[in-house]
């Protein structure tokens, strides 16, 4: 998560006391506790350090419902491991509310770790429409969107201006500019997040979706990846590494490493979350004032980003469920959502903020980001998402390193995903 990073990213993951209904939770000793009281919120790597001050505001006005922040690792994979280990402890769980990666909603709901929520209590109609779907499983609301995200193509606008070319809209244009322009300036052509971790799942899914393919259907029950579109998408990335316009070093990049490479002036193009645009444009960056952003390219025009971000969900064993719901309402209120952007450099879920002239002046990528979010697609939904992601990472990594052809990789991916769906 970046949501966060999806993300992809340095992704924000929070665990707080949340509950979807009025009934009170169960305490560690099995005793019933009241609906209001202190909360525990765990976050994975608040890289911009904005969340603490937000919670300070809540704590000042809710002295009997103070939130304790627990930071988990920066890595989405490590955060997932720690969260699931804790949740398996049932009423011994340390966490009350979970700000989970959007891809984990189905898994956590199917496992019974999070409670259904009453959508009428939250301003879902004010959110960008695609983000609400990431909070549902089998037609029920199990979480509330808190931060969204979509991948963007960052580029060196100073260099493209010197060359008299527009930023790429298609894969062919991206490949051509990465091959022919980047070497003239001593730069790597294109990078994403290609280390085998959750970021590679995101990058691979975007390539497959952009080519018109899918990976899973029917909440993970049907495998759809064995297609010409999947071969084209994975083949595009594998060809880039083989031909060198994707530097081999990019195979070691997560969000932060790729952001730093671009920010230090080593890349012409970078796929990353919007927080990377903010960092690269900030004072002290080697490319400050030289960065542009456009939607991710696809084979014949703009491609499809994966939806990143995080959703606030209620631990089934939350101690103070009413406080949890109240906290979620606070974190998704307009003033706090504005701070999510201005203080955290993270994309808010409230649609109106993307059309605010003052915010657009400060964050000029907002219209592009809105366009990308509205056209984005979620990662494959599955109650076994952790296993799905591990398989995608392993197989696509073998394709990028040349250990398997894209055709063989897609066929293997279909077999291994089918085995997961049968478990």
Protein backbone atom coordinates (compact mmCIF):
# COMPACT_ATOMS: atom_id res chain seq x y z
CA UNK A 1 0.00 0.00 0.00
CA UNK A 2 1.16 3.39 -0.52
CA UNK A 3 -0.46 2.56 -0.25
CA UNK A 4 0.98 2.83 0.58
CA UNK A 5 1.49 2.13 -1.50
CA UNK A 6 0.17 -0.44 -3.44
CA UNK A 7 0.91 -0.74 -3.59
CA UNK A 8 2.69 -0.93 -4.49
CA UNK A 9 4.67 0.82 -2.00
CA UNK A 10 5.43 1.56 0.53
CA UNK A 11 1.89 1.03 1.29
CA UNK A 12 0.04 2.27 4.40
CA UNK A 13 -1.54 -0.49 6.45
CA UNK A 14 -3.38 0.41 9.64
CA UNK A 15 -4.97 -1.69 12.34
CA UNK A 16 -7.45 0.13 14.51
CA UNK A 17 -10.44 -0.84 16.58
CA UNK A 18 -13.26 -1.05 14.10
CA UNK A 19 -16.49 -2.98 14.08
CA UNK A 20 -19.28 -3.16 11.57
CA UNK A 21 -22.18 -3.32 13.95
CA UNK A 22 -23.35 -1.91 17.24
CA UNK A 23 -22.77 -5.06 19.26
CA UNK A 24 -19.82 -4.81 21.62
CA UNK A 25 -16.63 -6.82 21.12
CA UNK A 26 -15.00 -9.46 23.24
CA UNK A 27 -11.98 -8.67 25.36
CA UNK A 28 -8.82 -10.72 25.80
CA UNK A 29 -10.23 -12.52 28.82
CA UNK A 30 -13.53 -13.25 27.09
CA UNK A 31 -15.34 -10.52 29.03
CA UNK A 32 -17.74 -8.24 27.18
CA UNK A 33 -16.58 -4.66 26.99
CA UNK A 34 -18.43 -1.46 26.17
CA UNK A 35 -18.82 -0.16 22.63
CA UNK A 36 -16.57 2.83 23.30
CA UNK A 37 -13.05 2.98 24.64
CA UNK A 38 -9.35 3.00 23.68
CA UNK A 39 -8.28 1.67 20.30
CA UNK A 40 -5.16 0.15 18.79
CA UNK A 41 -4.18 1.16 15.29
CA UNK A 42 -1.26 -0.57 13.61
CA UNK A 43 0.37 0.88 10.51
CA UNK A 44 2.95 -0.44 8.14
CA UNK A 45 5.63 2.15 7.51
CA UNK A 46 4.04 5.59 7.63
CA UNK A 47 6.76 6.85 5.32
CA UNK A 48 5.55 10.45 5.29
CA UNK A 49 4.86 10.56 9.07
CA UNK A 50 1.47 12.19 8.58
CA UNK A 51 -0.72 9.70 10.43
CA UNK A 52 0.47 10.45 13.97
CA UNK A 53 -0.67 14.12 13.85
CA UNK A 54 -4.04 13.02 12.44
CA UNK A 55 -4.52 10.69 15.38
CA UNK A 56 -3.36 13.41 17.77
CA UNK A 57 -6.36 15.41 16.60
CA UNK A 58 -8.69 12.51 17.35
CA UNK A 59 -7.08 11.87 20.73
CA UNK A 60 -7.47 15.51 21.80
CA UNK A 61 -11.20 15.49 21.10
CA UNK A 62 -11.86 11.89 22.20
CA UNK A 63 -9.92 11.50 25.46
CA UNK A 64 -11.84 8.37 26.44
CA UNK A 65 -11.23 6.72 23.04
CA UNK A 66 -7.52 7.33 22.51
CA UNK A 67 -5.82 5.51 19.65
CA UNK A 68 -2.45 3.85 20.09
CA UNK A 69 -0.48 3.62 16.84
CA UNK A 70 1.45 0.40 16.19
CA UNK A 71 3.82 0.51 13.20
CA UNK A 72 4.38 -2.72 11.27
CA UNK A 73 7.13 -3.20 8.62
CA UNK A 74 7.28 -1.08 5.46
CA UNK A 75 6.94 -4.15 3.23
CA UNK A 76 3.37 -5.12 2.35
CA UNK A 77 4.36 -8.79 2.42
CA UNK A 78 5.82 -8.52 5.92
CA UNK A 79 2.86 -6.50 7.16
CA UNK A 80 0.47 -9.11 5.78
CA UNK A 81 2.39 -11.85 7.56
CA UNK A 82 2.30 -10.03 10.90
CA UNK A 83 -1.35 -9.07 10.59
CA UNK A 84 -2.54 -12.56 9.70
CA UNK A 85 -0.45 -14.14 12.46
CA UNK A 86 -2.02 -11.76 14.96
CA UNK A 87 -5.58 -12.24 13.66
CA UNK A 88 -5.31 -16.01 13.94
CA UNK A 89 -5.00 -15.42 17.68
CA UNK A 90 -8.72 -14.59 17.82
CA UNK A 91 -9.66 -12.59 20.89
CA UNK A 92 -5.99 -12.37 21.84
CA UNK A 93 -5.37 -10.10 18.85
CA UNK A 94 -3.46 -6.89 19.57
CA UNK A 95 -5.20 -5.04 16.77
CA UNK A 96 -8.68 -3.58 16.80
CA UNK A 97 -8.97 -1.86 13.43
CA UNK A 98 -7.12 -2.94 10.31
CA UNK A 99 -6.20 -0.59 7.50
CA UNK A 100 -5.60 -3.38 5.04
CA UNK A 101 -4.24 -3.37 1.52
CA UNK A 102 -7.21 -3.26 -0.84
CA UNK A 103 -6.21 -6.67 -2.21
CA UNK A 104 -6.64 -8.34 1.18
CA UNK A 105 -10.33 -7.58 1.75
CA UNK A 106 -11.59 -10.84 0.23
CA UNK A 107 -9.04 -12.94 2.08
CA UNK A 108 -9.70 -11.34 5.47
CA UNK A 109 -13.48 -11.46 5.02
CA UNK A 110 -13.50 -15.10 3.92
CA UNK A 111 -11.36 -16.02 6.93
CA UNK A 112 -13.81 -14.35 9.30
CA UNK A 113 -11.19 -11.93 10.61
CA UNK A 114 -13.16 -8.76 9.80
CA UNK A 115 -16.81 -7.90 10.39
CA UNK A 116 -19.40 -6.70 7.87
CA UNK A 117 -20.07 -2.97 8.03
CA UNK A 118 -23.22 -0.90 7.59
CA UNK A 119 -22.55 1.23 4.54
CA UNK A 120 -25.15 3.79 5.60
CA UNK A 121 -22.80 4.96 8.37
CA UNK A 122 -20.11 6.05 5.92
CA UNK A 123 -19.98 8.57 3.02
CA UNK A 124 -19.54 5.96 0.29
CA UNK A 125 -21.42 8.10 -2.24
CA UNK A 126 -18.71 10.77 -1.92
CA UNK A 127 -15.93 8.38 -2.92
CA UNK A 128 -14.48 7.68 -6.35
CA UNK A 129 -16.71 4.78 -7.53
CA UNK A 130 -14.04 2.12 -8.27
CA UNK A 131 -12.58 2.27 -4.77
CA UNK A 132 -15.79 1.10 -3.09
CA UNK A 133 -15.70 -2.21 -4.94
CA UNK A 134 -12.35 -3.05 -3.31
CA UNK A 135 -14.10 -3.00 0.08
CA UNK A 136 -16.77 -5.57 -0.81
CA UNK A 137 -16.70 -9.35 -0.74
CA UNK A 138 -19.56 -11.48 -2.05
CA UNK A 139 -21.76 -8.41 -2.23
CA UNK A 140 -21.24 -7.25 1.37
CA UNK A 141 -19.26 -4.29 2.66
CA UNK A 142 -16.39 -5.46 4.85
CA UNK A 143 -14.28 -2.31 4.93
CA UNK A 144 -14.33 1.41 4.18
CA UNK A 145 -11.93 2.90 1.61
CA UNK A 146 -9.38 5.18 3.24
CA UNK A 147 -6.62 5.78 0.68
CA UNK A 148 -6.70 4.94 -3.00
CA UNK A 149 -3.88 4.79 -5.53
CA UNK A 150 -3.19 4.20 -9.18
CA UNK A 151 0.08 3.77 -10.99
CA UNK A 152 1.35 6.66 -13.11
CA UNK A 153 4.12 6.96 -15.66
CA UNK A 154 6.59 9.57 -14.42
CA UNK A 155 8.89 11.02 -17.04
CA UNK A 156 11.63 13.61 -17.51
CA UNK A 157 9.69 16.41 -19.17
CA UNK A 158 12.86 18.47 -19.67
CA UNK A 159 14.45 15.74 -21.77
CA UNK A 160 11.36 14.97 -23.83
CA UNK A 161 10.98 18.71 -24.47
CA UNK A 162 14.55 18.89 -25.75
CA UNK A 163 13.82 15.99 -28.08
CA UNK A 164 10.55 17.55 -29.23
CA UNK A 165 8.44 14.49 -28.40
CA UNK A 166 5.30 14.00 -26.34
CA UNK A 167 5.24 11.55 -23.44
CA UNK A 168 4.38 8.02 -24.59
CA UNK A 169 0.77 6.87 -24.82
CA UNK A 170 1.51 3.37 -26.12
CA UNK A 171 3.95 0.60 -25.31
CA UNK A 172 5.60 1.05 -28.72
CA UNK A 173 6.25 4.73 -28.02
CA UNK A 174 7.56 3.98 -24.52
CA UNK A 175 9.87 1.29 -25.85
CA UNK A 176 11.15 3.49 -28.69
CA UNK A 177 11.88 6.48 -26.43
CA UNK A 178 13.46 4.29 -23.73
CA UNK A 179 15.72 2.71 -26.37
CA UNK A 180 16.71 5.79 -28.34
CA UNK A 181 16.46 8.83 -26.05
CA UNK A 182 17.53 7.53 -22.64
CA UNK A 183 21.04 6.39 -23.76
CA UNK A 184 21.78 9.85 -25.23
CA UNK A 185 21.51 11.27 -21.71
CA UNK A 186 23.17 8.40 -19.89
CA UNK A 187 19.88 7.23 -18.38
CA UNK A 188 18.13 3.93 -17.90
CA UNK A 189 15.02 3.70 -20.05
CA UNK A 190 12.16 2.41 -17.95
CA UNK A 191 11.66 0.84 -14.53
CA UNK A 192 8.88 -0.31 -12.29
CA UNK A 193 8.85 -2.49 -9.19
CA UNK A 194 10.27 -5.78 -10.42
CA UNK A 195 11.69 -7.44 -7.32
CA UNK A 196 9.65 -10.58 -6.52
CA UNK A 197 7.25 -9.13 -3.94
CA UNK A 198 3.77 -7.60 -4.01
CA UNK A 199 4.97 -4.80 -6.28
CA UNK A 200 5.81 -7.29 -9.02
CA UNK A 201 2.29 -8.72 -8.78
CA UNK A 202 0.96 -5.20 -9.32
CA UNK A 203 3.25 -4.48 -12.29
CA UNK A 204 2.46 -7.83 -13.90
CA UNK A 205 -1.29 -7.40 -13.41
CA UNK A 206 -1.12 -3.93 -14.99
CA UNK A 207 0.66 -5.34 -18.02
CA UNK A 208 -1.90 -8.13 -18.41
CA UNK A 209 -4.89 -5.80 -17.85
CA UNK A 210 -3.50 -3.19 -20.25
CA UNK A 211 -3.30 -5.81 -22.97
CA UNK A 212 -6.96 -6.68 -22.37
CA UNK A 213 -6.47 -9.78 -20.23
CA UNK A 214 -7.42 -10.90 -16.74
CA UNK A 215 -5.93 -13.26 -14.17
CA UNK A 216 -8.85 -14.60 -12.12
CA UNK A 217 -12.63 -14.38 -12.21
CA UNK A 218 -15.56 -15.19 -9.94
CA UNK A 219 -13.83 -14.19 -6.66
CA UNK A 220 -10.88 -16.45 -7.49
CA UNK A 221 -12.85 -19.54 -8.48
CA UNK A 222 -12.01 -19.27 -12.19
CA UNK A 223 -8.53 -18.95 -13.73
CA UNK A 224 -8.51 -16.70 -16.81
CA UNK A 225 -4.84 -15.89 -17.28
CA UNK A 226 -3.99 -18.35 -20.06
CA UNK A 227 -4.56 -15.90 -22.90
CA UNK A 228 -2.83 -14.07 -25.71
CA UNK A 229 -3.26 -10.84 -23.75
CA UNK A 230 -1.37 -12.22 -20.75
CA UNK A 231 1.41 -13.45 -23.01
CA UNK A 232 1.61 -10.02 -24.64
CA UNK A 233 1.73 -8.18 -21.31
CA UNK A 234 4.34 -10.35 -19.65
CA UNK A 235 6.24 -10.53 -22.93
CA UNK A 236 6.44 -6.73 -23.07
CA UNK A 237 8.18 -6.59 -19.68
CA UNK A 238 10.43 -9.58 -20.42
CA UNK A 239 11.50 -8.07 -23.74
CA UNK A 240 12.42 -4.83 -22.01
CA UNK A 241 14.80 -6.61 -19.66
CA UNK A 242 16.23 -8.78 -22.42
CA UNK A 243 16.87 -5.82 -24.72
CA UNK A 244 18.19 -3.57 -21.95
CA UNK A 245 15.75 -0.65 -22.04
CA UNK A 246 14.57 -1.94 -18.68
CA UNK A 247 17.84 -1.96 -16.69
CA UNK A 248 18.68 -5.26 -14.99
CA UNK A 249 19.04 -3.31 -11.75
CA UNK A 250 15.28 -2.71 -11.91
CA UNK A 251 14.84 -6.40 -11.03
CA UNK A 252 15.93 -5.40 -7.50
CA UNK A 253 13.56 -2.42 -7.17
CA UNK A 254 10.66 -1.98 -4.79
CA UNK A 255 8.79 1.34 -4.59
CA UNK A 256 11.43 3.20 -2.62
CA UNK A 257 14.44 1.99 -4.63
CA UNK A 258 12.77 2.83 -7.94
CA UNK A 259 11.66 6.24 -6.66
CA UNK A 260 15.18 7.02 -5.52
CA UNK A 261 16.68 5.99 -8.86
CA UNK A 262 14.32 8.34 -10.71
CA UNK A 263 14.70 11.11 -8.14
CA UNK A 264 18.50 10.91 -8.41
CA UNK A 265 18.29 11.40 -12.17
CA UNK A 266 19.06 7.85 -13.36
CA UNK A 267 15.86 7.04 -15.29
CA UNK A 268 13.89 8.53 -18.14
CA UNK A 269 10.62 6.76 -17.24
CA UNK A 270 9.27 5.24 -14.05
CA UNK A 271 6.06 3.46 -13.18
CA UNK A 272 5.22 4.27 -9.55
CA UNK A 273 2.50 5.60 -7.25
CA UNK A 274 1.85 9.36 -7.03
CA UNK A 275 3.90 9.75 -3.85
CA UNK A 276 6.97 9.25 -6.04
CA UNK A 277 5.97 12.31 -8.10
CA UNK A 278 5.81 14.35 -4.90
CA UNK A 279 9.23 13.13 -3.76
CA UNK A 280 10.86 13.67 -7.14
CA UNK A 281 9.42 17.20 -7.36
CA UNK A 282 10.46 18.24 -3.85
CA UNK A 283 13.30 20.58 -2.96
CA UNK A 284 16.60 18.70 -2.95
CA UNK A 285 15.60 16.25 -5.67
CA UNK A 286 17.97 16.14 -8.64
CA UNK A 287 14.97 16.32 -10.98
CA UNK A 288 12.81 18.88 -9.15
CA UNK A 289 10.84 20.92 -11.69
CA UNK A 290 11.63 18.40 -14.44
CA UNK A 291 8.99 15.74 -13.74
CA UNK A 292 5.79 15.02 -15.63
CA UNK A 293 3.13 12.35 -15.14
CA UNK A 294 0.73 10.64 -17.55
CA UNK A 295 -1.46 7.52 -17.37
CA UNK A 296 0.32 4.23 -17.89
CA UNK A 297 0.66 3.35 -21.58
CA UNK A 298 -0.91 0.25 -23.12
CA UNK A 299 -0.56 -1.53 -26.45
CA UNK A 300 -2.78 0.88 -28.38
CA UNK A 301 -3.30 3.82 -26.00
CA UNK A 302 -3.62 4.44 -22.27
CA UNK A 303 -3.31 1.24 -20.28
CA UNK A 304 -4.92 0.05 -17.08
CA UNK A 305 -3.51 0.66 -13.64
CA UNK A 306 -4.09 -1.59 -10.68
CA UNK A 307 -6.01 0.05 -7.85
CA UNK A 308 -3.78 0.48 -4.85
CA UNK A 309 -4.48 1.95 -1.47
CA UNK A 310 -5.93 0.71 1.79
CA UNK A 311 -9.28 -0.01 3.39
CA UNK A 312 -10.24 0.34 7.03
CA UNK A 313 -11.74 -2.87 8.37
CA UNK A 314 -12.95 -3.97 11.80
CA UNK A 315 -11.32 -6.85 13.60
CA UNK A 316 -14.04 -9.36 14.45
CA UNK A 317 -12.70 -9.27 18.03
CA UNK A 318 -12.56 -5.47 18.29
CA UNK A 319 -12.95 -4.38 21.92
CA UNK A 320 -14.82 -1.14 21.38
CA UNK A 321 -16.77 -1.38 18.12
CA UNK A 322 -18.67 1.89 18.39
CA UNK A 323 -15.43 3.83 18.84
CA UNK A 324 -14.04 1.93 15.91
CA UNK A 325 -16.84 2.99 13.60
CA UNK A 326 -16.54 6.56 14.83
CA UNK A 327 -12.82 6.54 14.13
CA UNK A 328 -13.40 5.30 10.58
CA UNK A 329 -15.91 8.07 10.00
CA UNK A 330 -13.33 10.55 11.26
CA UNK A 331 -10.54 9.21 9.04
CA UNK A 332 -12.79 9.34 5.98
CA UNK A 333 -14.16 12.83 6.70
CA UNK A 334 -13.39 15.61 4.22
CA UNK A 335 -10.90 17.51 6.44
CA UNK A 336 -8.87 14.39 7.22
CA UNK A 337 -9.01 13.17 3.64
CA UNK A 338 -7.62 16.54 2.57
CA UNK A 339 -4.70 15.99 4.98
CA UNK A 340 -4.18 12.49 3.59
CA UNK A 341 -3.16 14.31 0.41
CA UNK A 342 -1.53 17.50 1.71
CA UNK A 343 0.39 15.94 4.62
CA UNK A 344 0.78 12.34 3.50
CA UNK A 345 1.13 12.74 -0.28
CA UNK A 346 -1.37 9.88 -0.57
CA UNK A 347 -4.42 9.91 -2.88
CA UNK A 348 -7.68 10.47 -0.98
CA UNK A 349 -10.86 8.53 -1.72
CA UNK A 350 -13.19 11.57 -1.78
CA UNK A 351 -13.97 12.49 -5.40
CA UNK A 352 -14.46 16.24 -4.85
CA UNK A 353 -10.86 16.75 -3.75
CA UNK A 354 -9.63 15.84 -7.25
CA UNK A 355 -11.46 18.86 -8.65
CA UNK A 356 -10.38 21.38 -6.01
CA UNK A 357 -8.47 24.18 -7.82
CA UNK A 358 -6.29 24.93 -4.80
CA UNK A 359 -5.23 21.29 -4.48
CA UNK A 360 -4.61 20.99 -8.22
CA UNK A 361 -2.25 23.96 -8.06
CA UNK A 362 -0.28 22.20 -5.33
CA UNK A 363 -0.58 18.70 -6.84
CA UNK A 364 -0.79 19.16 -10.62
CA UNK A 365 -0.97 15.41 -11.25
CA UNK A 366 -4.45 15.16 -9.61
CA UNK A 367 -6.49 15.25 -12.87
CA UNK A 368 -4.25 12.55 -14.34
CA UNK A 369 -4.54 10.50 -11.17
CA UNK A 370 -8.33 10.82 -11.17
CA UNK A 371 -8.40 9.60 -14.77
CA UNK A 372 -6.18 6.66 -13.85
CA UNK A 373 -8.21 5.69 -10.76
CA UNK A 374 -11.50 5.80 -12.67
CA UNK A 375 -10.04 3.48 -15.32
CA UNK A 376 -8.18 1.22 -12.87
CA UNK A 377 -8.94 -2.38 -11.96
CA UNK A 378 -8.44 -4.25 -8.68
CA UNK A 379 -5.90 -6.98 -8.23
CA UNK A 380 -7.32 -10.50 -8.63
CA UNK A 381 -9.94 -11.07 -5.94
CA UNK A 382 -9.45 -14.32 -4.06
CA UNK A 383 -9.87 -15.58 -0.50
CA UNK A 384 -6.39 -17.03 -1.01
CA UNK A 385 -4.89 -13.83 -2.33
CA UNK A 386 -1.60 -14.25 -0.47
CA UNK A 387 -0.99 -17.54 -2.32
CA UNK A 388 -2.11 -16.05 -5.63
CA UNK A 389 0.32 -13.17 -5.28
CA UNK A 390 3.25 -15.42 -4.37
CA UNK A 391 2.64 -17.54 -7.47
CA UNK A 392 2.40 -14.48 -9.75
CA UNK A 393 5.63 -13.06 -8.31
CA UNK A 394 7.58 -16.29 -8.75
CA UNK A 395 6.40 -17.06 -12.26
CA UNK A 396 6.76 -13.53 -13.64
CA UNK A 397 10.22 -13.20 -12.06
CA UNK A 398 11.29 -16.29 -14.00
CA UNK A 399 9.99 -14.70 -17.20
CA UNK A 400 11.81 -11.40 -16.56
CA UNK A 401 15.11 -13.14 -15.85
CA UNK A 402 14.80 -15.28 -18.98
CA UNK A 403 14.39 -18.59 -17.18
CA UNK A 404 11.04 -19.12 -18.93
CA UNK A 405 9.50 -17.78 -22.10
CA UNK A 406 6.39 -15.63 -21.65
CA UNK A 407 4.30 -18.42 -23.21
CA UNK A 408 5.66 -21.04 -20.82
CA UNK A 409 5.31 -18.65 -17.89
CA UNK A 410 1.63 -17.96 -18.63
CA UNK A 411 0.89 -21.68 -18.99
CA UNK A 412 2.65 -22.40 -15.68
CA UNK A 413 0.81 -19.53 -14.04
CA UNK A 414 -2.53 -20.96 -15.16
CA UNK A 415 -1.65 -24.41 -13.76
CA UNK A 416 -0.47 -23.12 -10.40
CA UNK A 417 -3.40 -20.75 -9.96
CA UNK A 418 -5.81 -23.59 -10.80
CA UNK A 419 -4.18 -25.69 -8.07
CA UNK A 420 -4.78 -22.88 -5.57
CA UNK A 421 -8.45 -22.53 -6.54
CA UNK A 422 -9.00 -26.27 -5.93
CA UNK A 423 -7.64 -26.16 -2.35
